[in-house]
Amino acid sequence: MDSAAHSKLKAFSFPIIMMLVLALVILLPSGTLRYWQAWIYLTIFFIPTLFITVYFFKRNPEFLARRRQGEDQETVKKIPVFFNLFFLAYIIPGFDFRFHWSTVPVWVVIAANLMVFLGYVLIILVFKENSYASSNITVENEQAVISTGPYSIIRHPMYTGLSAMVLFAPLALGSYWAVIPALLHIPWTVLRIRNEEELLLRELPGYQDYCAKTPYRLIPSVW
């Protein structure tokens, strides 16, 4: 297998591995496969993930490779480790289901899953609009400011979609208690955006003008 083919295979396999890890993180604490809220949530998560993986594998495998890169330390190092505990929002629901801590109505579970899905749809639109979208924030040669699609409304639409997915995940998984750590995603997101914008203002030509034209970062008319 040549290096290009090997790189494409790694880029394709990474999202699959991440889906399997997420399934284990959610299902193992529940101690059962009868955790129906988890299966609904995982289905809503898996189908779009498979879609974008196949789509970009064919159209833009370099994008998948970019998504596979680790977190950029310059934008992450300023975020207190405590705020990373929002990931407990995916672990607690399984225990909640096992020990019957919460009784979340079915309609709330369905509504929350809808919000998770809409958040993921927004992220897909971001990926389609901006091939530079990555967890590793760098400014590449010939990179231009993206100001079309969802970027014409807010400067960081990917984080808007991600916030919807994280904040509604506890209710989608049938847990009230998991909402508590999920709320830590709000300060995590605010700090991450501020750190990223410091880098983009410093290194990406035209980004300051874009900020003047598009004043809101995450939520229109709010912030």
Protein backbone atom coordinates (compact mmCIF):
# COMPACT_ATOMS: atom_id res chain seq x y z
CA MET A 1 0.00 0.00 0.00
CA ASP A 2 1.51 3.37 -1.01
CA SER A 3 1.69 6.27 1.42
CA ALA A 4 -1.24 8.16 -0.16
CA ALA A 5 -3.55 5.15 0.08
CA HIS A 6 -2.40 4.47 3.64
CA SER A 7 -3.11 8.09 4.59
CA LYS A 8 -6.61 7.90 3.09
CA LEU A 9 -7.30 4.65 4.96
CA LYS A 10 -6.27 6.23 8.27
CA ALA A 11 -8.40 9.29 7.56
CA PHE A 12 -11.41 7.07 6.81
CA SER A 13 -10.92 4.77 9.79
CA PHE A 14 -10.55 7.54 12.38
CA PRO A 15 -14.26 8.59 12.42
CA ILE A 16 -15.28 4.92 12.61
CA ILE A 17 -13.03 4.37 15.62
CA MET A 18 -14.41 7.50 17.26
CA MET A 19 -17.99 6.26 16.80
CA LEU A 20 -17.13 2.93 18.41
CA VAL A 21 -15.44 4.68 21.34
CA LEU A 22 -18.50 6.90 21.84
CA ALA A 23 -20.78 3.86 21.82
CA LEU A 24 -18.67 2.15 24.48
CA VAL A 25 -18.49 5.29 26.63
CA ILE A 26 -22.29 5.61 26.61
CA LEU A 27 -23.34 1.95 26.76
CA LEU A 28 -20.82 0.39 29.16
CA PRO A 29 -21.91 2.39 32.25
CA SER A 30 -25.52 1.33 31.63
CA GLY A 31 -24.60 -2.36 31.91
CA THR A 32 -27.21 -3.33 29.34
CA LEU A 33 -28.04 -3.20 25.65
CA ARG A 34 -31.64 -2.23 26.50
CA TYR A 35 -30.66 1.40 26.95
CA TRP A 36 -33.05 2.61 24.25
CA GLN A 37 -32.24 6.31 24.62
CA ALA A 38 -28.61 5.52 23.84
CA TRP A 39 -29.51 3.66 20.64
CA ILE A 40 -31.61 6.57 19.38
CA TYR A 41 -28.83 9.03 20.14
CA LEU A 42 -26.12 6.85 18.60
CA THR A 43 -28.19 6.33 15.45
CA ILE A 44 -28.65 10.08 15.07
CA PHE A 45 -24.91 10.52 15.56
CA PHE A 46 -23.69 7.59 13.46
CA ILE A 47 -25.70 8.17 10.26
CA PRO A 48 -24.48 11.76 9.63
CA THR A 49 -20.95 10.73 10.64
CA LEU A 50 -20.91 7.92 8.10
CA PHE A 51 -22.37 10.27 5.48
CA ILE A 52 -19.75 12.98 5.89
CA THR A 53 -16.95 10.40 6.15
CA VAL A 54 -17.89 8.78 2.84
CA TYR A 55 -18.62 12.14 1.21
CA PHE A 56 -15.28 13.72 2.11
CA PHE A 57 -13.37 10.49 1.54
CA LYS A 58 -14.44 10.74 -2.08
CA ARG A 59 -14.41 14.53 -2.51
CA ASN A 60 -11.74 15.80 -0.14
CA PRO A 61 -9.73 13.17 1.78
CA GLU A 62 -7.32 15.90 2.91
CA PHE A 63 -10.16 17.34 4.97
CA LEU A 64 -10.55 14.04 6.85
CA ALA A 65 -6.83 13.94 7.45
CA ARG A 66 -6.97 17.46 8.86
CA ARG A 67 -9.80 16.46 11.19
CA ARG A 68 -7.70 13.55 12.42
CA GLN A 69 -4.96 15.82 13.70
CA GLY A 70 -4.65 16.43 17.42
CA GLU A 71 -5.80 19.54 19.22
CA ASP A 72 -3.76 22.67 18.58
CA GLN A 73 -1.90 23.42 21.80
CA GLU A 74 -1.80 27.18 21.25
CA THR A 75 -5.58 27.42 21.44
CA VAL A 76 -6.11 24.72 24.07
CA LYS A 77 -3.41 25.45 26.64
CA LYS A 78 -5.22 28.53 28.02
CA ILE A 79 -8.37 26.56 28.88
CA PRO A 80 -8.49 25.28 32.49
CA VAL A 81 -8.57 21.48 32.61
CA PHE A 82 -11.65 21.62 34.84
CA PHE A 83 -13.84 22.74 31.94
CA ASN A 84 -12.95 19.55 30.02
CA LEU A 85 -15.11 17.67 32.53
CA PHE A 86 -18.08 18.40 30.28
CA PHE A 87 -17.24 15.00 28.75
CA LEU A 88 -18.83 13.45 31.84
CA ALA A 89 -22.13 14.35 30.16
CA TYR A 90 -21.62 11.22 28.04
CA ILE A 91 -20.65 8.91 30.91
CA ILE A 92 -23.18 9.81 33.60
CA PRO A 93 -26.32 8.97 31.54
CA GLY A 94 -25.42 5.27 31.43
CA PHE A 95 -25.19 5.12 35.22
CA ASP A 96 -28.35 7.21 35.42
CA PHE A 97 -30.18 4.61 33.31
CA ARG A 98 -28.77 1.71 35.39
CA PHE A 99 -29.69 3.17 38.77
CA HIS A 100 -32.88 5.03 37.70
CA TRP A 101 -31.80 8.45 38.93
CA SER A 102 -33.85 10.39 36.34
CA THR A 103 -37.24 10.06 34.73
CA VAL A 104 -37.07 12.08 31.53
CA PRO A 105 -40.33 12.08 29.51
CA VAL A 106 -40.18 10.46 26.08
CA TRP A 107 -41.16 13.72 24.37
CA VAL A 108 -38.21 15.48 26.00
CA VAL A 109 -35.86 12.71 24.81
CA ILE A 110 -37.22 13.06 21.27
CA ALA A 111 -37.03 16.87 21.29
CA ALA A 112 -33.46 16.78 22.61
CA ASN A 113 -32.44 14.30 19.92
CA LEU A 114 -33.92 16.65 17.32
CA MET A 115 -31.76 19.48 18.65
CA VAL A 116 -28.70 17.20 18.56
CA PHE A 117 -29.50 16.33 14.95
CA LEU A 118 -29.97 19.99 13.96
CA GLY A 119 -26.65 20.81 15.61
CA TYR A 120 -24.96 18.10 13.56
CA VAL A 121 -26.61 19.36 10.36
CA LEU A 122 -25.13 22.80 11.05
CA ILE A 123 -21.69 21.24 11.50
CA ILE A 124 -22.06 19.41 8.18
CA LEU A 125 -22.91 22.72 6.49
CA VAL A 126 -19.79 24.20 8.05
CA PHE A 127 -17.63 21.34 6.79
CA LYS A 128 -19.05 21.76 3.29
CA GLU A 129 -18.46 25.52 3.34
CA ASN A 130 -15.05 25.55 5.01
CA SER A 131 -12.52 22.85 4.13
CA TYR A 132 -10.14 24.35 6.70
CA ALA A 133 -12.47 23.53 9.62
CA SER A 134 -10.37 21.45 11.99
CA SER A 135 -9.77 20.66 15.64
CA ASN A 136 -6.17 21.70 15.01
CA ILE A 137 -6.41 25.46 14.51
CA THR A 138 -3.70 26.70 12.19
CA VAL A 139 -3.55 29.23 9.38
CA GLU A 140 -2.36 27.56 6.20
CA ASN A 141 -0.79 29.01 3.09
CA GLU A 142 -3.31 30.69 0.77
CA GLN A 143 -6.08 30.23 3.36
CA ALA A 144 -8.82 32.83 2.92
CA VAL A 145 -11.50 34.11 5.27
CA ILE A 146 -14.77 32.20 4.83
CA SER A 147 -17.75 34.57 4.97
CA THR A 148 -20.43 32.63 3.12
CA GLY A 149 -23.11 30.16 4.24
CA PRO A 150 -23.46 30.00 8.04
CA TYR A 151 -20.30 32.13 8.32
CA SER A 152 -22.29 35.08 6.97
CA ILE A 153 -24.41 34.99 10.16
CA ILE A 154 -21.92 34.06 12.91
CA ARG A 155 -18.16 33.68 13.00
CA HIS A 156 -18.01 30.25 14.63
CA PRO A 157 -21.02 28.22 13.45
CA MET A 158 -19.22 24.92 14.04
CA TYR A 159 -19.14 25.67 17.77
CA THR A 160 -22.81 26.62 17.68
CA GLY A 161 -23.63 23.20 16.26
CA LEU A 162 -21.26 21.45 18.66
CA SER A 163 -22.77 23.29 21.64
CA ALA A 164 -26.26 22.13 20.64
CA MET A 165 -25.01 18.55 20.39
CA VAL A 166 -23.29 18.61 23.79
CA LEU A 167 -25.85 20.59 25.79
CA PHE A 168 -28.82 18.52 24.61
CA ALA A 169 -27.02 15.15 24.77
CA PRO A 170 -27.89 14.52 28.48
CA LEU A 171 -31.63 14.91 27.89
CA ALA A 172 -31.40 12.91 24.65
CA LEU A 173 -29.79 10.15 26.70
CA GLY A 174 -32.47 10.40 29.40
CA SER A 175 -30.47 12.04 32.19
CA TYR A 176 -31.08 15.22 34.16
CA TRP A 177 -27.92 14.81 36.25
CA ALA A 178 -25.67 14.82 33.21
CA VAL A 179 -26.85 18.33 32.38
CA ILE A 180 -24.62 19.65 35.18
CA PRO A 181 -21.25 18.70 33.62
CA ALA A 182 -22.61 19.51 30.15
CA LEU A 183 -22.93 23.15 31.21
CA LEU A 184 -19.14 23.30 31.51
CA HIS A 185 -19.10 23.22 27.73
CA ILE A 186 -20.29 26.85 27.72
CA PRO A 187 -17.18 28.38 29.34
CA TRP A 188 -15.01 25.87 27.43
CA THR A 189 -16.49 27.13 24.15
CA VAL A 190 -16.16 30.80 25.07
CA LEU A 191 -12.50 30.40 26.00
CA ARG A 192 -11.76 28.26 22.95
CA ILE A 193 -13.29 30.86 20.61
CA ARG A 194 -11.40 33.72 22.25
CA ASN A 195 -8.13 31.81 21.94
CA GLU A 196 -8.78 30.95 18.31
CA GLU A 197 -9.66 34.50 17.42
CA GLU A 198 -6.41 35.76 18.91
CA LEU A 199 -4.57 33.50 16.47
CA LEU A 200 -6.80 34.30 13.49
CA LEU A 201 -6.58 38.06 14.04
CA ARG A 202 -2.81 37.76 14.21
CA GLU A 203 -2.21 35.41 11.28
CA LEU A 204 -5.18 35.37 8.89
CA PRO A 205 -5.32 38.35 6.50
CA GLY A 206 -8.77 39.92 6.28
CA TYR A 207 -10.09 38.36 9.49
CA GLN A 208 -10.33 41.70 11.29
CA ASP A 209 -12.51 43.13 8.52
CA TYR A 210 -14.65 39.98 8.65
CA CYS A 211 -15.17 40.48 12.40
CA ALA A 212 -16.34 44.04 11.76
CA LYS A 213 -18.89 42.83 9.20
CA THR A 214 -19.99 39.78 11.23
CA PRO A 215 -20.08 40.93 14.87
CA TYR A 216 -21.55 37.82 16.52
CA ARG A 217 -19.40 34.82 17.34
CA LEU A 218 -21.76 32.05 18.46
CA ILE A 219 -25.42 33.13 18.69
CA PRO A 220 -26.94 35.90 16.53
CA SER A 221 -27.84 39.03 18.51
CA VAL A 222 -26.40 37.49 21.69
CA TRP A 223 -22.61 36.93 21.43
